[in-house]
All heavy atoms as atom14 arrays in JSON, in Angstrom:
{
  "sequence": "AGIGTVLADDPMLNVRMEGWKSPIRILCDSGLRIPLDGQ",
  "atom14_mask": [
    [1, 1, 1, 1, 1, 0, 0, 0, 0, 0, 0, 0, 0, 0],
    [1, 1, 1, 1, 0, 0, 0, 0, 0, 0, 0, 0, 0, 0],
    [1, 1, 1, 1, 1, 1, 1, 1, 0, 0, 0, 0, 0, 0],
    [1, 1, 1, 1, 0, 0, 0, 0, 0, 0, 0, 0, 0, 0],
    [1, 1, 1, 1, 1, 1, 1, 0, 0, 0, 0, 0, 0, 0],
    [1, 1, 1, 1, 1, 1, 1, 0, 0, 0, 0, 0, 0, 0],
    [1, 1, 1, 1, 1, 1, 1, 1, 0, 0, 0, 0, 0, 0],
    [1, 1, 1, 1, 1, 0, 0, 0, 0, 0, 0, 0, 0, 0],
    [1, 1, 1, 1, 1, 1, 1, 1, 0, 0, 0, 0, 0, 0],
    [1, 1, 1, 1, 1, 1, 1, 1, 0, 0, 0, 0, 0, 0],
    [1, 1, 1, 1, 1, 1, 1, 0, 0, 0, 0, 0, 0, 0],
    [1, 1, 1, 1, 1, 1, 1, 1, 0, 0, 0, 0, 0, 0],
    [1, 1, 1, 1, 1, 1, 1, 1, 0, 0, 0, 0, 0, 0],
    [1, 1, 1, 1, 1, 1, 1, 1, 0, 0, 0, 0, 0, 0],
    [1, 1, 1, 1, 1, 1, 1, 0, 0, 0, 0, 0, 0, 0],
    [1, 1, 1, 1, 1, 1, 1, 1, 1, 1, 1, 0, 0, 0],
    [1, 1, 1, 1, 1, 1, 1, 1, 0, 0, 0, 0, 0, 0],
    [1, 1, 1, 1, 1, 1, 1, 1, 1, 0, 0, 0, 0, 0],
    [1, 1, 1, 1, 0, 0, 0, 0, 0, 0, 0, 0, 0, 0],
    [1, 1, 1, 1, 1, 1, 1, 1, 1, 1, 1, 1, 1, 1],
    [1, 1, 1, 1, 1, 1, 1, 1, 1, 0, 0, 0, 0, 0],
    [1, 1, 1, 1, 1, 1, 0, 0, 0, 0, 0, 0, 0, 0],
    [1, 1, 1, 1, 1, 1, 1, 0, 0, 0, 0, 0, 0, 0],
    [1, 1, 1, 1, 1, 1, 1, 1, 0, 0, 0, 0, 0, 0],
    [1, 1, 1, 1, 1, 1, 1, 1, 1, 1, 1, 0, 0, 0],
    [1, 1, 1, 1, 1, 1, 1, 1, 0, 0, 0, 0, 0, 0],
    [1, 1, 1, 1, 1, 1, 1, 1, 0, 0, 0, 0, 0, 0],
    [1, 1, 1, 1, 1, 1, 0, 0, 0, 0, 0, 0, 0, 0],
    [1, 1, 1, 1, 1, 1, 1, 1, 0, 0, 0, 0, 0, 0],
    [1, 1, 1, 1, 1, 1, 0, 0, 0, 0, 0, 0, 0, 0],
    [1, 1, 1, 1, 0, 0, 0, 0, 0, 0, 0, 0, 0, 0],
    [1, 1, 1, 1, 1, 1, 1, 1, 0, 0, 0, 0, 0, 0],
    [1, 1, 1, 1, 1, 1, 1, 1, 1, 1, 1, 0, 0, 0],
    [1, 1, 1, 1, 1, 1, 1, 1, 0, 0, 0, 0, 0, 0],
    [1, 1, 1, 1, 1, 1, 1, 0, 0, 0, 0, 0, 0, 0],
    [1, 1, 1, 1, 1, 1, 1, 1, 0, 0, 0, 0, 0, 0],
    [1, 1, 1, 1, 1, 1, 1, 1, 0, 0, 0, 0, 0, 0],
    [1, 1, 1, 1, 0, 0, 0, 0, 0, 0, 0, 0, 0, 0],
    [1, 1, 1, 1, 1, 1, 1, 1, 1, 0, 0, 0, 0, 0]
  ],
  "atom14_positions": [
    [[1.68, 3.94, 7.0], [0.99, 5.2, 7.3], [-0.36, 4.88, 7.9], [-0.83, 3.73, 7.86], [0.85, 6.06, 6.05], [0.0, 0.0, 0.0], [0.0, 0.0, 0.0], [0.0, 0.0, 0.0], [0.0, 0.0, 0.0], [0.0, 0.0, 0.0], [0.0, 0.0, 0.0], [0.0, 0.0, 0.0], [0.0, 0.0, 0.0], [0.0, 0.0, 0.0]],
    [[-1.01, 5.9, 8.45], [-2.33, 5.72, 9.04], [-3.43, 6.23, 8.11], [-3.17, 6.93, 7.14], [0.0, 0.0, 0.0], [0.0, 0.0, 0.0], [0.0, 0.0, 0.0], [0.0, 0.0, 0.0], [0.0, 0.0, 0.0], [0.0, 0.0, 0.0], [0.0, 0.0, 0.0], [0.0, 0.0, 0.0], [0.0, 0.0, 0.0], [0.0, 0.0, 0.0]],
    [[-4.66, 5.89, 8.44], [-5.79, 6.29, 7.6], [-5.95, 7.81, 7.57], [-6.4, 8.37, 6.56], [-7.1, 5.61, 8.09], [-8.25, 5.89, 7.13], [-7.43, 6.03, 9.51], [-8.03, 5.41, 5.72], [0.0, 0.0, 0.0], [0.0, 0.0, 0.0], [0.0, 0.0, 0.0], [0.0, 0.0, 0.0], [0.0, 0.0, 0.0], [0.0, 0.0, 0.0]],
    [[-5.53, 8.49, 8.63], [-5.6, 9.95, 8.64], [-4.78, 10.56, 7.53], [-5.23, 11.49, 6.83], [0.0, 0.0, 0.0], [0.0, 0.0, 0.0], [0.0, 0.0, 0.0], [0.0, 0.0, 0.0], [0.0, 0.0, 0.0], [0.0, 0.0, 0.0], [0.0, 0.0, 0.0], [0.0, 0.0, 0.0], [0.0, 0.0, 0.0], [0.0, 0.0, 0.0]],
    [[-3.57, 10.04, 7.33], [-2.71, 10.51, 6.25], [-3.32, 10.21, 4.9], [-3.29, 11.04, 3.98], [-1.31, 9.85, 6.36], [-0.71, 10.24, 7.6], [-0.42, 10.26, 5.21], [0.0, 0.0, 0.0], [0.0, 0.0, 0.0], [0.0, 0.0, 0.0], [0.0, 0.0, 0.0], [0.0, 0.0, 0.0], [0.0, 0.0, 0.0], [0.0, 0.0, 0.0]],
    [[-3.89, 9.02, 4.75], [-4.5, 8.62, 3.48], [-5.68, 9.53, 3.13], [-5.82, 10.01, 2.0], [-4.94, 7.15, 3.53], [-5.73, 6.78, 2.27], [-3.74, 6.23, 3.7], [0.0, 0.0, 0.0], [0.0, 0.0, 0.0], [0.0, 0.0, 0.0], [0.0, 0.0, 0.0], [0.0, 0.0, 0.0], [0.0, 0.0, 0.0], [0.0, 0.0, 0.0]],
    [[-6.56, 9.79, 4.1], [-7.73, 10.63, 3.85], [-7.35, 12.08, 3.59], [-7.98, 12.77, 2.79], [-8.69, 10.55, 5.05], [-9.33, 9.17, 5.3], [-10.17, 9.2, 6.57], [-10.17, 8.73, 4.1], [0.0, 0.0, 0.0], [0.0, 0.0, 0.0], [0.0, 0.0, 0.0], [0.0, 0.0, 0.0], [0.0, 0.0, 0.0], [0.0, 0.0, 0.0]],
    [[-6.3, 12.56, 4.25], [-5.91, 13.97, 4.11], [-5.14, 14.24, 2.83], [-5.33, 15.27, 2.17], [-5.08, 14.4, 5.32], [0.0, 0.0, 0.0], [0.0, 0.0, 0.0], [0.0, 0.0, 0.0], [0.0, 0.0, 0.0], [0.0, 0.0, 0.0], [0.0, 0.0, 0.0], [0.0, 0.0, 0.0], [0.0, 0.0, 0.0], [0.0, 0.0, 0.0]],
    [[-4.25, 13.31, 2.45], [-3.3, 13.59, 1.36], [-3.49, 12.73, 0.11], [-2.91, 13.05, -0.93], [-1.86, 13.39, 1.86], [-1.51, 14.3, 3.03], [-2.15, 15.35, 3.16], [-0.6, 13.93, 3.81], [0.0, 0.0, 0.0], [0.0, 0.0, 0.0], [0.0, 0.0, 0.0], [0.0, 0.0, 0.0], [0.0, 0.0, 0.0], [0.0, 0.0, 0.0]],
    [[-4.24, 11.64, 0.2], [-4.37, 10.69, -0.92], [-3.0, 10.37, -1.52], [-2.76, 10.56, -2.72], [-5.3, 11.25, -2.0], [-5.65, 10.21, -3.06], [-5.6, 9.0, -2.74], [-5.95, 10.59, -4.21], [0.0, 0.0, 0.0], [0.0, 0.0, 0.0], [0.0, 0.0, 0.0], [0.0, 0.0, 0.0], [0.0, 0.0, 0.0], [0.0, 0.0, 0.0]],
    [[-2.05, 9.86, -0.7], [-0.69, 9.64, -1.18], [-0.55, 8.35, -1.99], [-1.42, 7.47, -1.94], [0.1, 9.53, 0.11], [-0.87, 8.88, 1.05], [-2.23, 9.43, 0.69], [0.0, 0.0, 0.0], [0.0, 0.0, 0.0], [0.0, 0.0, 0.0], [0.0, 0.0, 0.0], [0.0, 0.0, 0.0], [0.0, 0.0, 0.0], [0.0, 0.0, 0.0]],
    [[0.56, 8.24, -2.71], [0.89, 6.99, -3.39], [1.8, 6.12, -2.53], [1.77, 4.9, -2.61], [1.6, 7.28, -4.72], [0.64, 7.59, -5.86], [-0.24, 6.12, -6.44], [1.06, 5.27, -7.32], [0.0, 0.0, 0.0], [0.0, 0.0, 0.0], [0.0, 0.0, 0.0], [0.0, 0.0, 0.0], [0.0, 0.0, 0.0], [0.0, 0.0, 0.0]],
    [[2.66, 6.76, -1.73], [3.62, 6.06, -0.87], [4.54, 5.13, -1.67], [4.89, 4.04, -1.23], [2.9, 5.27, 0.23], [2.03, 6.09, 1.2], [1.35, 5.17, 2.21], [2.86, 7.15, 1.92], [0.0, 0.0, 0.0], [0.0, 0.0, 0.0], [0.0, 0.0, 0.0], [0.0, 0.0, 0.0], [0.0, 0.0, 0.0], [0.0, 0.0, 0.0]],
    [[4.93, 5.59, -2.83], [5.85, 4.83, -3.68], [7.16, 5.58, -3.81], [7.37, 6.61, -3.18], [5.22, 4.57, -5.05], [5.0, 5.85, -5.83], [4.86, 6.93, -5.25], [4.94, 5.75, -7.14], [0.0, 0.0, 0.0], [0.0, 0.0, 0.0], [0.0, 0.0, 0.0], [0.0, 0.0, 0.0], [0.0, 0.0, 0.0], [0.0, 0.0, 0.0]],
    [[8.05, 5.07, -4.65], [9.32, 5.75, -4.95], [9.21, 6.35, -6.33], [8.83, 5.68, -7.28], [10.5, 4.77, -4.87], [11.77, 5.41, -5.42], [10.73, 4.33, -3.43], [0.0, 0.0, 0.0], [0.0, 0.0, 0.0], [0.0, 0.0, 0.0], [0.0, 0.0, 0.0], [0.0, 0.0, 0.0], [0.0, 0.0, 0.0], [0.0, 0.0, 0.0]],
    [[9.57, 7.62, -6.44], [9.41, 8.34, -7.7], [10.75, 8.55, -8.42], [10.83, 9.37, -9.32], [8.72, 9.68, -7.44], [7.32, 9.53, -6.88], [6.61, 10.86, -6.68], [7.18, 11.65, -5.61], [6.83, 11.51, -4.33], [5.93, 10.6, -3.98], [7.37, 12.28, -3.4], [0.0, 0.0, 0.0], [0.0, 0.0, 0.0], [0.0, 0.0, 0.0]],
    [[11.79, 7.82, -8.01], [13.1, 7.95, -8.63], [13.35, 6.76, -9.56], [13.13, 5.6, -9.18], [14.19, 8.0, -7.56], [13.99, 9.12, -6.52], [14.05, 10.77, -7.22], [15.78, 10.86, -7.66], [0.0, 0.0, 0.0], [0.0, 0.0, 0.0], [0.0, 0.0, 0.0], [0.0, 0.0, 0.0], [0.0, 0.0, 0.0], [0.0, 0.0, 0.0]],
    [[13.81, 7.04, -10.76], [14.08, 6.01, -11.76], [15.13, 5.02, -11.26], [16.18, 5.41, -10.73], [14.57, 6.66, -13.06], [14.69, 5.71, -14.23], [13.35, 5.22, -14.75], [12.35, 5.96, -14.61], [13.32, 4.11, -15.3], [0.0, 0.0, 0.0], [0.0, 0.0, 0.0], [0.0, 0.0, 0.0], [0.0, 0.0, 0.0], [0.0, 0.0, 0.0]],
    [[14.84, 3.72, -11.39], [15.81, 2.69, -11.04], [15.76, 2.24, -9.59], [16.49, 1.31, -9.21], [0.0, 0.0, 0.0], [0.0, 0.0, 0.0], [0.0, 0.0, 0.0], [0.0, 0.0, 0.0], [0.0, 0.0, 0.0], [0.0, 0.0, 0.0], [0.0, 0.0, 0.0], [0.0, 0.0, 0.0], [0.0, 0.0, 0.0], [0.0, 0.0, 0.0]],
    [[14.93, 2.86, -8.77], [14.79, 2.45, -7.37], [13.5, 1.69, -7.2], [12.53, 1.9, -7.94], [14.81, 3.66, -6.44], [16.15, 4.32, -6.34], [17.32, 3.9, -6.91], [16.47, 5.51, -5.61], [18.34, 4.76, -6.6], [17.85, 5.76, -5.8], [15.75, 6.39, -4.83], [18.51, 6.85, -5.23], [16.39, 7.48, -4.26], [17.76, 7.7, -4.44]],
    [[13.44, 0.81, -6.21], [12.25, 0.0, -5.99], [11.32, 0.68, -4.98], [11.76, 1.42, -4.1], [12.61, -1.4, -5.5], [13.29, -1.42, -4.15], [13.5, -2.85, -3.68], [14.17, -2.88, -2.31], [13.42, -2.18, -1.26], [0.0, 0.0, 0.0], [0.0, 0.0, 0.0], [0.0, 0.0, 0.0], [0.0, 0.0, 0.0], [0.0, 0.0, 0.0]],
    [[10.04, 0.42, -5.11], [9.05, 0.95, -4.18], [8.79, -0.06, -3.06], [8.85, -1.27, -3.29], [7.74, 1.27, -4.9], [7.88, 2.42, -5.72], [0.0, 0.0, 0.0], [0.0, 0.0, 0.0], [0.0, 0.0, 0.0], [0.0, 0.0, 0.0], [0.0, 0.0, 0.0], [0.0, 0.0, 0.0], [0.0, 0.0, 0.0], [0.0, 0.0, 0.0]],
    [[8.49, 0.42, -1.87], [8.26, -0.48, -0.74], [6.85, -1.07, -0.74], [5.95, -0.59, -1.45], [8.44, 0.45, 0.47], [7.99, 1.79, -0.04], [8.41, 1.84, -1.48], [0.0, 0.0, 0.0], [0.0, 0.0, 0.0], [0.0, 0.0, 0.0], [0.0, 0.0, 0.0], [0.0, 0.0, 0.0], [0.0, 0.0, 0.0], [0.0, 0.0, 0.0]],
    [[6.68, -2.12, 0.04], [5.34, -2.65, 0.3], [4.59, -1.63, 1.15], [5.1, -1.14, 2.15], [5.44, -4.0, 1.05], [6.18, -5.01, 0.19], [4.06, -4.52, 1.44], [6.61, -6.26, 0.95], [0.0, 0.0, 0.0], [0.0, 0.0, 0.0], [0.0, 0.0, 0.0], [0.0, 0.0, 0.0], [0.0, 0.0, 0.0], [0.0, 0.0, 0.0]],
    [[3.37, -1.3, 0.76], [2.61, -0.27, 1.46], [1.72, -0.91, 2.52], [0.97, -1.85, 2.23], [1.79, 0.54, 0.46], [2.66, 1.19, -0.6], [1.88, 1.94, -1.64], [0.91, 1.09, -2.34], [0.16, 1.51, -3.34], [0.27, 2.75, -3.78], [-0.69, 0.7, -3.92], [0.0, 0.0, 0.0], [0.0, 0.0, 0.0], [0.0, 0.0, 0.0]],
    [[1.81, -0.39, 3.73], [1.06, -0.94, 4.87], [0.24, 0.2, 5.49], [0.8, 1.23, 5.87], [2.03, -1.53, 5.93], [2.92, -2.6, 5.28], [1.27, -2.09, 7.11], [4.28, -2.73, 5.89], [0.0, 0.0, 0.0], [0.0, 0.0, 0.0], [0.0, 0.0, 0.0], [0.0, 0.0, 0.0], [0.0, 0.0, 0.0], [0.0, 0.0, 0.0]],
    [[-1.06, 0.02, 5.57], [-1.95, 1.05, 6.09], [-2.63, 0.56, 7.36], [-3.13, -0.56, 7.4], [-3.02, 1.44, 5.06], [-2.59, 2.28, 3.84], [-1.91, 3.55, 4.28], [-1.77, 1.5, 2.86], [0.0, 0.0, 0.0], [0.0, 0.0, 0.0], [0.0, 0.0, 0.0], [0.0, 0.0, 0.0], [0.0, 0.0, 0.0], [0.0, 0.0, 0.0]],
    [[-2.65, 1.41, 8.38], [-3.38, 1.12, 9.61], [-4.73, 1.83, 9.54], [-4.79, 3.07, 9.52], [-2.59, 1.59, 10.82], [-1.05, 0.68, 11.06], [0.0, 0.0, 0.0], [0.0, 0.0, 0.0], [0.0, 0.0, 0.0], [0.0, 0.0, 0.0], [0.0, 0.0, 0.0], [0.0, 0.0, 0.0], [0.0, 0.0, 0.0], [0.0, 0.0, 0.0]],
    [[-5.8, 1.06, 9.49], [-7.14, 1.61, 9.23], [-8.16, 0.78, 10.01], [-8.79, -0.14, 9.47], [-7.41, 1.56, 7.73], [-8.76, 2.12, 7.33], [-9.45, 2.7, 8.19], [-9.13, 1.96, 6.15], [0.0, 0.0, 0.0], [0.0, 0.0, 0.0], [0.0, 0.0, 0.0], [0.0, 0.0, 0.0], [0.0, 0.0, 0.0], [0.0, 0.0, 0.0]],
    [[-8.32, 1.1, 11.29], [-9.15, 0.28, 12.19], [-10.54, 0.02, 11.63], [-11.05, -1.1, 11.67], [-9.26, 0.96, 13.56], [-7.99, 1.03, 14.17], [0.0, 0.0, 0.0], [0.0, 0.0, 0.0], [0.0, 0.0, 0.0], [0.0, 0.0, 0.0], [0.0, 0.0, 0.0], [0.0, 0.0, 0.0], [0.0, 0.0, 0.0], [0.0, 0.0, 0.0]],
    [[-11.19, 1.06, 11.09], [-12.56, 0.94, 10.61], [-12.69, 0.65, 9.13], [-13.8, 0.67, 8.58], [0.0, 0.0, 0.0], [0.0, 0.0, 0.0], [0.0, 0.0, 0.0], [0.0, 0.0, 0.0], [0.0, 0.0, 0.0], [0.0, 0.0, 0.0], [0.0, 0.0, 0.0], [0.0, 0.0, 0.0], [0.0, 0.0, 0.0], [0.0, 0.0, 0.0]],
    [[-11.58, 0.39, 8.47], [-11.54, 0.11, 7.02], [-12.24, 1.22, 6.23], [-13.11, 0.98, 5.4], [-12.17, -1.25, 6.73], [-11.51, -2.07, 5.6], [-10.04, -2.33, 5.89], [-12.22, -3.4, 5.41], [0.0, 0.0, 0.0], [0.0, 0.0, 0.0], [0.0, 0.0, 0.0], [0.0, 0.0, 0.0], [0.0, 0.0, 0.0], [0.0, 0.0, 0.0]],
    [[-11.78, 2.45, 6.48], [-12.36, 3.62, 5.81], [-11.63, 3.99, 4.53], [-11.99, 4.97, 3.87], [-12.33, 4.82, 6.77], [-13.23, 4.67, 7.99], [-13.2, 5.96, 8.82], [-11.91, 6.18, 9.45], [-11.43, 7.38, 9.78], [-12.11, 8.48, 9.46], [-10.26, 7.49, 10.38], [0.0, 0.0, 0.0], [0.0, 0.0, 0.0], [0.0, 0.0, 0.0]],
    [[-10.62, 3.24, 4.14], [-9.81, 3.59, 2.99], [-10.69, 3.74, 1.74], [-11.49, 2.86, 1.42], [-8.69, 2.55, 2.77], [-7.74, 2.99, 1.66], [-9.26, 1.16, 2.51], [-6.47, 2.16, 1.58], [0.0, 0.0, 0.0], [0.0, 0.0, 0.0], [0.0, 0.0, 0.0], [0.0, 0.0, 0.0], [0.0, 0.0, 0.0], [0.0, 0.0, 0.0]],
    [[-10.57, 4.85, 1.01], [-11.42, 5.06, -0.17], [-11.06, 4.12, -1.32], [-9.88, 3.92, -1.64], [-11.11, 6.52, -0.56], [-10.44, 7.13, 0.63], [-9.72, 6.01, 1.31], [0.0, 0.0, 0.0], [0.0, 0.0, 0.0], [0.0, 0.0, 0.0], [0.0, 0.0, 0.0], [0.0, 0.0, 0.0], [0.0, 0.0, 0.0], [0.0, 0.0, 0.0]],
    [[-12.06, 3.55, -1.94], [-11.83, 2.66, -3.07], [-11.33, 3.4, -4.3], [-10.71, 2.8, -5.18], [-13.12, 1.91, -3.41], [-13.63, 0.94, -2.33], [-14.96, 0.34, -2.76], [-12.62, -0.16, -2.05], [0.0, 0.0, 0.0], [0.0, 0.0, 0.0], [0.0, 0.0, 0.0], [0.0, 0.0, 0.0], [0.0, 0.0, 0.0], [0.0, 0.0, 0.0]],
    [[-11.61, 4.71, -4.36], [-11.18, 5.49, -5.52], [-9.9, 6.29, -5.25], [-9.51, 7.14, -6.05], [-12.3, 6.44, -5.98], [-12.7, 7.44, -4.89], [-12.23, 7.29, -3.74], [-13.48, 8.36, -5.19], [0.0, 0.0, 0.0], [0.0, 0.0, 0.0], [0.0, 0.0, 0.0], [0.0, 0.0, 0.0], [0.0, 0.0, 0.0], [0.0, 0.0, 0.0]],
    [[-9.23, 5.99, -4.14], [-7.98, 6.68, -3.82], [-6.8, 6.06, -4.55], [-6.88, 4.95, -5.08], [0.0, 0.0, 0.0], [0.0, 0.0, 0.0], [0.0, 0.0, 0.0], [0.0, 0.0, 0.0], [0.0, 0.0, 0.0], [0.0, 0.0, 0.0], [0.0, 0.0, 0.0], [0.0, 0.0, 0.0], [0.0, 0.0, 0.0], [0.0, 0.0, 0.0]],
    [[-5.67, 6.78, -4.56], [-4.5, 6.32, -5.29], [-3.95, 4.99, -4.76], [-3.48, 4.15, -5.53], [-3.39, 7.38, -5.23], [-3.69, 8.64, -6.01], [-2.43, 9.46, -6.24], [-1.78, 9.36, -7.27], [-2.08, 10.27, -5.24], [0.0, 0.0, 0.0], [0.0, 0.0, 0.0], [0.0, 0.0, 0.0], [0.0, 0.0, 0.0], [0.0, 0.0, 0.0]]
  ]
}
């Protein structure tokens, strides 16, 4: 996902179903604006 999605939605980008695995999360953030207190 992009930094716009992260800033707008504060997502987890994980899997919420029991018994399934979550993916590796990859963020595109040119200016490294990702919040340290975000999910």
